[in-house]
Protein backbone atom coordinates (compact mmCIF):
# COMPACT_ATOMS: atom_id res chain seq x y z
CA MET A 1 -6.55 -20.07 -10.85
CA GLU A 2 -6.04 -17.09 -8.54
CA MET A 3 -3.87 -14.24 -9.80
CA PRO A 4 -0.82 -13.40 -7.67
CA LEU A 5 -0.91 -10.15 -5.77
CA SER A 6 0.91 -7.20 -7.20
CA ILE A 7 2.91 -5.62 -4.38
CA LEU A 8 5.04 -2.48 -4.24
CA LEU A 9 7.53 -2.10 -1.39
CA VAL A 10 8.65 1.49 -0.77
CA ASP A 11 11.57 2.12 1.60
CA ASP A 12 14.76 4.16 1.29
CA ILE A 13 16.88 1.82 3.42
CA GLU A 14 18.32 -1.13 1.53
CA VAL A 15 18.41 -3.47 4.54
CA ASN A 16 14.71 -2.81 5.23
CA ARG A 17 13.86 -3.55 1.58
CA MET A 18 15.88 -6.77 1.64
CA VAL A 19 14.30 -8.01 4.89
CA ALA A 20 10.74 -7.15 3.79
CA SER A 21 11.31 -8.67 0.34
CA ARG A 22 12.55 -11.91 1.88
CA MET A 23 9.62 -12.03 4.27
CA LEU A 24 7.19 -11.50 1.40
CA GLY A 25 9.03 -14.19 -0.55
CA LYS A 26 8.58 -16.66 2.29
CA LEU A 27 4.86 -15.86 2.18
CA GLY A 28 4.83 -16.60 -1.56
CA TYR A 29 4.87 -13.02 -2.88
CA GLN A 30 7.27 -11.02 -4.97
CA ALA A 31 7.40 -7.23 -4.64
CA ASP A 32 8.50 -4.44 -6.93
CA ILE A 33 10.77 -1.94 -5.19
CA ALA A 34 10.79 1.86 -4.93
CA GLU A 35 13.30 3.82 -2.85
CA ASN A 36 11.20 6.93 -2.19
CA GLY A 37 7.81 8.51 -2.79
CA ILE A 38 8.71 9.83 -6.23
CA GLU A 39 9.72 6.35 -7.41
CA ALA A 40 6.51 4.98 -5.87
CA LEU A 41 4.41 7.44 -7.90
CA GLU A 42 6.30 6.50 -11.08
CA ALA A 43 5.68 2.80 -10.37
CA VAL A 44 1.96 3.36 -9.72
CA ASP A 45 1.69 5.30 -12.99
CA LYS A 46 3.09 2.28 -14.88
CA LYS A 47 1.37 -0.62 -13.12
CA TYR A 48 -1.61 -1.43 -10.91
CA TYR A 49 -0.71 -2.63 -7.41
CA ASP A 50 -2.98 -4.50 -5.04
CA ILE A 51 -0.94 -3.47 -2.00
CA ILE A 52 1.72 -0.86 -1.32
CA PHE A 53 3.87 -1.15 1.79
CA MET A 54 5.01 2.45 2.33
CA ASP A 55 7.72 3.75 4.63
CA ILE A 56 7.15 7.24 6.03
CA GLN A 57 10.54 8.87 6.39
CA MET A 58 12.26 8.97 3.01
CA PRO A 59 14.25 11.53 1.02
CA GLU A 60 12.81 13.20 -2.10
CA MET A 61 9.19 12.60 -1.04
CA ASP A 62 7.99 11.02 2.18
CA GLY A 63 5.40 8.28 2.48
CA ILE A 64 2.61 10.52 3.72
CA GLU A 65 2.85 12.86 0.73
CA ALA A 66 3.13 9.91 -1.69
CA THR A 67 0.07 8.29 -0.09
CA LYS A 68 -1.96 11.49 -0.49
CA ILE A 69 -1.04 11.76 -4.18
CA ILE A 70 -1.77 8.09 -4.89
CA ARG A 71 -5.19 8.47 -3.25
CA GLU A 72 -5.91 11.55 -5.41
CA ARG A 73 -4.86 9.80 -8.63
CA CYS A 74 -6.33 6.35 -8.03
CA ILE A 75 -9.98 6.34 -7.03
CA ASP A 76 -10.03 2.56 -6.78
CA GLY A 77 -6.39 2.39 -5.88
CA PRO A 78 -4.27 -0.05 -3.99
CA LYS A 79 -4.40 -0.80 -0.31
CA ILE A 80 -1.68 1.35 1.24
CA ILE A 81 -0.10 0.02 4.39
CA ILE A 82 2.28 2.36 6.14
CA VAL A 83 5.30 0.70 7.71
CA SER A 84 6.94 2.88 10.34
CA ALA A 85 8.93 2.86 13.55
CA LEU A 86 7.26 6.14 14.50
CA SER A 87 4.44 5.81 16.99
CA ASP A 88 3.16 9.39 16.72
CA CYS A 89 2.23 9.29 13.03
CA VAL A 90 -1.07 7.39 13.12
CA ASP A 91 -3.38 10.36 12.55
CA ALA A 92 -1.26 11.82 9.76
CA CYS A 93 -1.12 8.43 8.00
CA LEU A 94 -4.85 7.84 8.21
CA ASP A 95 -5.58 11.44 7.13
CA ALA A 96 -3.35 10.87 4.09
CA GLY A 97 -5.46 7.86 3.07
CA ALA A 98 -3.51 4.91 4.45
CA ASP A 99 -5.52 1.74 4.97
CA ASP A 100 -3.38 0.39 7.79
CA ILE A 101 -0.18 0.93 9.74
CA LEU A 102 2.38 -1.71 10.65
CA SER A 103 5.16 -1.12 13.16
CA LYS A 104 8.81 -1.69 12.40
CA PRO A 105 10.45 -4.05 12.80
CA LEU A 106 8.03 -6.08 10.71
CA SER A 107 7.04 -9.55 11.82
CA MET A 108 5.96 -12.38 9.53
CA LYS A 109 2.73 -12.69 11.50
CA ASP A 110 1.83 -9.00 11.09
CA LEU A 111 2.76 -8.99 7.42
CA ARG A 112 0.70 -12.11 6.67
CA SER A 113 -2.28 -10.87 8.69
CA SER A 114 -2.25 -7.48 6.98
CA ILE A 115 -2.17 -8.99 3.49
CA GLU A 116 -4.91 -11.51 4.27
CA TYR A 117 -7.12 -8.89 5.90
CA HIS A 118 -6.80 -6.24 3.21
CA MET A 119 -7.15 -8.62 0.31
CA SER A 120 -10.40 -9.93 1.79
CA MET A 121 -11.92 -6.43 1.75
CA PRO A 122 -13.85 -5.72 -1.47
CA SER A 123 -12.77 -2.81 -3.62
CA VAL A 124 -15.01 -0.35 -5.42
CA SER A 125 -14.43 -2.21 -8.71
CA GLN A 126 -15.54 -5.50 -7.14
CA PHE A 127 -18.79 -3.88 -5.98
CA ALA A 128 -19.39 -2.47 -9.46
CA ALA A 129 -18.69 -5.86 -11.07
CA SER A 130 -21.25 -7.46 -8.78
CA GLY A 131 -23.98 -5.22 -10.20
CA MET A 132 -24.38 -3.18 -7.04
CA GLU A 133 -24.60 0.56 -7.54
CA VAL A 134 -21.52 2.32 -6.25
CA ILE A 135 -21.97 5.85 -4.97
CA THR A 136 -18.80 7.90 -4.82
CA ALA A 137 -18.07 11.46 -3.83
CA THR A 138 -18.26 12.44 -7.49
CA SER A 139 -21.56 10.67 -8.22
CA GLU A 140 -24.53 12.80 -9.08
CA LEU A 141 -27.34 12.22 -6.61
């Protein structure tokens, strides 16, 4: 039996959280919620997530800063998908370590495609479990 995905939805606007949560629910997923980057970091410290859907513009700590910190803390961390209405943030998001960017407003098609695509990509831990040698930036050569 396949384990359900562990998803964290990070957005400071309640309506956006409700809409995204319902869309995920219709796709068969349930998401934990964080209202800003600080809450996202606290959630990631307590639980492993397969995917994080991260808004960019939030009070306390924005999504780009939270993404950078999550990438520093979690070597084999979750897939982080930025969700933004901003079109000029692509480089900053990718530089921060985001795996993908979805445009707001979200569509069911884009949400489903993003989850299916990113969950089909092997993680570092899956490579290691397969017996293949994994070389990371901290490996001694």
